[in-house]
Amino acid sequence: MENLTIFIAVTAAAVVLQAGILVAMYLAVRQSTARLEALTSEVRSKVLPTADLVQSMLLDLRPKVETIVTNACDSSTVLRRQVERLDATISDMVDRARLQVIRADELLGRTLDQVERTTDLVHKTVVSPVRQASGLIQGLAAGLEFFFTGRRRARQPSPVAQDEMFI
């Protein structure tokens, strides 16, 4: 029986020890709960007014932000239309400038052709007959000079040759 008494005593000591541990755990949890409640009330007293302030600010700012977003959207739409109009205008100006360049090129080409034809015509109708008349007059002058003086004069370069180079 002595074994049984030792066994009962050890079991009673273990139960008392477990009860002590449970009481200590209870007190620790109770103390932690008290600290947590104090922290919670402090958070409520400091954070919740700030959260309420932020919420009221968001409620006040929401219409303003919506207005800003709407204005930005409208402005971008207007800007897009203006850029499209500007693009169309510039494209039209480039097309017109290209057309004018083509017309100026054609006009210049026709003018140069006309100048060339006029130069050929002047050469045929004025320069050639003048050259022929000059040659005829020089021949006559040489003949008359030879006839009256009896000797030939030294030939001098003709000024018409220089004029022909110019034309």
Protein backbone atom coordinates (compact mmCIF):
# COMPACT_ATOMS: atom_id res chain seq x y z
CA MET A 1 0.00 0.00 0.00
CA GLU A 2 2.82 2.18 0.43
CA ASN A 3 3.27 2.32 -3.30
CA LEU A 4 -0.25 3.39 -3.67
CA THR A 5 0.19 6.22 -1.20
CA ILE A 6 3.30 7.46 -3.05
CA PHE A 7 1.45 7.19 -6.31
CA ILE A 8 -1.53 9.17 -4.94
CA ALA A 9 0.81 11.78 -3.44
CA VAL A 10 2.70 12.22 -6.75
CA THR A 11 -0.60 12.41 -8.63
CA ALA A 12 -1.96 14.98 -6.14
CA ALA A 13 1.24 17.05 -6.49
CA ALA A 14 0.94 16.91 -10.33
CA VAL A 15 -2.70 18.00 -10.14
CA VAL A 16 -1.79 20.87 -7.79
CA LEU A 17 1.08 21.83 -10.08
CA GLN A 18 -1.24 21.77 -13.12
CA ALA A 19 -3.80 23.85 -11.22
CA GLY A 20 -1.05 26.38 -10.38
CA ILE A 21 0.03 26.54 -14.00
CA LEU A 22 -3.59 27.01 -15.12
CA VAL A 23 -4.09 29.81 -12.57
CA ALA A 24 -0.86 31.49 -13.77
CA MET A 25 -2.01 31.16 -17.38
CA TYR A 26 -5.39 32.59 -16.44
CA LEU A 27 -3.77 35.59 -14.76
CA ALA A 28 -1.40 36.14 -17.74
CA VAL A 29 -4.28 35.98 -20.24
CA ARG A 30 -6.33 38.31 -18.08
CA GLN A 31 -3.44 40.79 -17.87
CA SER A 32 -2.88 40.57 -21.68
CA THR A 33 -6.60 41.10 -22.23
CA ALA A 34 -6.53 44.21 -20.06
CA ARG A 35 -3.53 45.55 -22.01
CA LEU A 36 -5.20 44.73 -25.32
CA GLU A 37 -8.40 46.49 -24.24
CA ALA A 38 -6.39 49.56 -23.22
CA LEU A 39 -4.57 49.52 -26.59
CA THR A 40 -7.88 49.09 -28.41
CA SER A 41 -9.44 52.04 -26.62
CA GLU A 42 -6.33 54.14 -27.37
CA VAL A 43 -6.50 53.18 -31.06
CA ARG A 44 -10.19 54.01 -31.12
CA SER A 45 -9.58 57.38 -29.51
CA LYS A 46 -6.72 58.31 -31.88
CA VAL A 47 -7.31 56.47 -35.19
CA LEU A 48 -11.06 56.53 -35.51
CA PRO A 49 -11.34 60.34 -35.43
CA THR A 50 -8.63 60.45 -38.07
CA ALA A 51 -10.45 57.83 -40.12
CA ASP A 52 -13.67 59.81 -39.74
CA LEU A 53 -11.81 62.95 -40.80
CA VAL A 54 -10.34 61.15 -43.83
CA GLN A 55 -13.76 59.77 -44.73
CA SER A 56 -15.36 63.22 -44.48
CA MET A 57 -12.52 64.69 -46.56
CA LEU A 58 -13.04 61.98 -49.18
CA LEU A 59 -16.75 62.74 -49.23
CA ASP A 60 -15.98 66.45 -49.67
CA LEU A 61 -13.31 65.82 -52.32
CA ARG A 62 -15.20 63.23 -54.35
CA PRO A 63 -17.33 65.73 -56.30
CA LYS A 64 -14.27 67.89 -56.94
CA VAL A 65 -12.25 64.91 -58.16
CA GLU A 66 -15.15 63.82 -60.37
CA THR A 67 -15.31 67.35 -61.80
CA ILE A 68 -11.56 67.35 -62.46
CA VAL A 69 -11.78 63.97 -64.19
CA THR A 70 -14.75 65.11 -66.27
CA ASN A 71 -12.97 68.34 -67.24
CA ALA A 72 -9.81 66.43 -68.18
CA CYS A 73 -11.87 64.06 -70.32
CA ASP A 74 -13.68 66.95 -72.02
CA SER A 75 -10.40 68.82 -72.54
CA SER A 76 -8.76 65.78 -74.11
CA THR A 77 -11.76 65.37 -76.43
CA VAL A 78 -11.60 69.04 -77.48
CA LEU A 79 -7.82 68.81 -77.90
CA ARG A 80 -8.18 65.69 -80.06
CA ARG A 81 -10.71 67.47 -82.29
CA GLN A 82 -8.45 70.51 -82.61
CA VAL A 83 -5.46 68.32 -83.49
CA GLU A 84 -7.55 66.52 -86.11
CA ARG A 85 -8.60 69.88 -87.58
CA LEU A 86 -5.01 71.09 -87.53
CA ASP A 87 -3.89 67.89 -89.25
CA ALA A 88 -6.54 68.32 -91.92
CA THR A 89 -5.57 71.96 -92.43
CA ILE A 90 -1.87 71.17 -92.69
CA SER A 91 -2.58 68.30 -95.08
CA ASP A 92 -4.68 70.66 -97.22
CA MET A 93 -1.91 73.28 -97.16
CA VAL A 94 0.70 70.71 -98.18
CA ASP A 95 -1.53 69.48 -101.01
CA ARG A 96 -2.11 73.04 -102.22
CA ALA A 97 1.59 73.88 -101.98
CA ARG A 98 2.43 70.73 -103.93
CA LEU A 99 -0.12 71.72 -106.60
CA GLN A 100 1.33 75.24 -106.80
CA VAL A 101 4.86 73.85 -107.12
CA ILE A 102 3.68 71.62 -109.97
CA ARG A 103 1.96 74.56 -111.64
CA ALA A 104 5.03 76.79 -111.20
CA ASP A 105 7.24 74.04 -112.65
CA GLU A 106 4.95 73.68 -115.65
CA LEU A 107 4.83 77.47 -116.10
CA LEU A 108 8.61 77.72 -115.89
CA GLY A 109 8.98 74.85 -118.36
CA ARG A 110 6.56 76.50 -120.81
CA THR A 111 8.31 79.86 -120.36
CA LEU A 112 11.74 78.35 -121.02
CA ASP A 113 10.37 76.56 -124.09
CA GLN A 114 8.88 79.83 -125.32
CA VAL A 115 12.16 81.68 -124.68
CA GLU A 116 14.02 79.00 -126.62
CA ARG A 117 11.55 79.21 -129.51
CA THR A 118 11.76 83.01 -129.47
CA THR A 119 15.56 82.86 -129.46
CA ASP A 120 15.52 80.50 -132.43
CA LEU A 121 13.01 82.72 -134.21
CA VAL A 122 15.07 85.88 -133.52
CA HIS A 123 18.16 84.08 -134.72
CA LYS A 124 16.44 82.96 -137.92
CA THR A 125 14.58 86.19 -138.64
CA VAL A 126 17.01 88.85 -137.37
CA VAL A 127 20.55 87.56 -136.86
CA SER A 128 20.85 85.47 -140.03
CA PRO A 129 19.53 88.23 -142.33
CA VAL A 130 21.68 90.82 -140.53
CA ARG A 131 24.71 88.55 -140.94
CA GLN A 132 23.89 88.05 -144.60
CA ALA A 133 23.37 91.78 -145.08
CA SER A 134 26.60 92.50 -143.21
CA GLY A 135 28.47 90.03 -145.36
CA LEU A 136 26.97 91.55 -148.46
CA ILE A 137 27.85 95.09 -147.32
CA GLN A 138 31.40 94.00 -146.39
CA GLY A 139 31.77 92.36 -149.77
CA LEU A 140 30.47 95.45 -151.52
CA ALA A 141 32.73 97.68 -149.43
CA ALA A 142 35.74 95.47 -150.20
CA GLY A 143 34.84 95.47 -153.88
CA LEU A 144 34.38 99.23 -153.99
CA GLU A 145 37.57 99.81 -152.04
CA PHE A 146 39.49 97.55 -154.37
CA PHE A 147 37.88 99.19 -157.36
CA PHE A 148 38.72 102.74 -156.21
CA THR A 149 42.05 102.19 -154.50
CA GLY A 150 43.30 99.23 -156.39
CA ARG A 151 44.54 97.32 -153.40
CA ARG A 152 43.09 95.04 -150.78
CA ARG A 153 42.81 96.04 -147.19
CA ALA A 154 43.76 93.79 -144.28
CA ARG A 155 40.84 91.90 -142.88
CA GLN A 156 39.64 92.97 -139.43
CA PRO A 157 37.66 90.71 -137.11
CA SER A 158 33.93 91.17 -137.37
CA PRO A 159 32.01 92.49 -134.31
CA VAL A 160 29.06 90.26 -135.29
CA ALA A 161 30.96 87.14 -134.27
CA GLN A 162 31.11 88.38 -130.70
CA ASP A 163 27.41 89.19 -130.74
CA GLU A 164 26.62 85.69 -131.94
CA MET A 165 28.52 84.24 -128.99
CA PHE A 166 26.43 86.31 -126.66
CA ILE A 167 23.15 85.09 -128.09
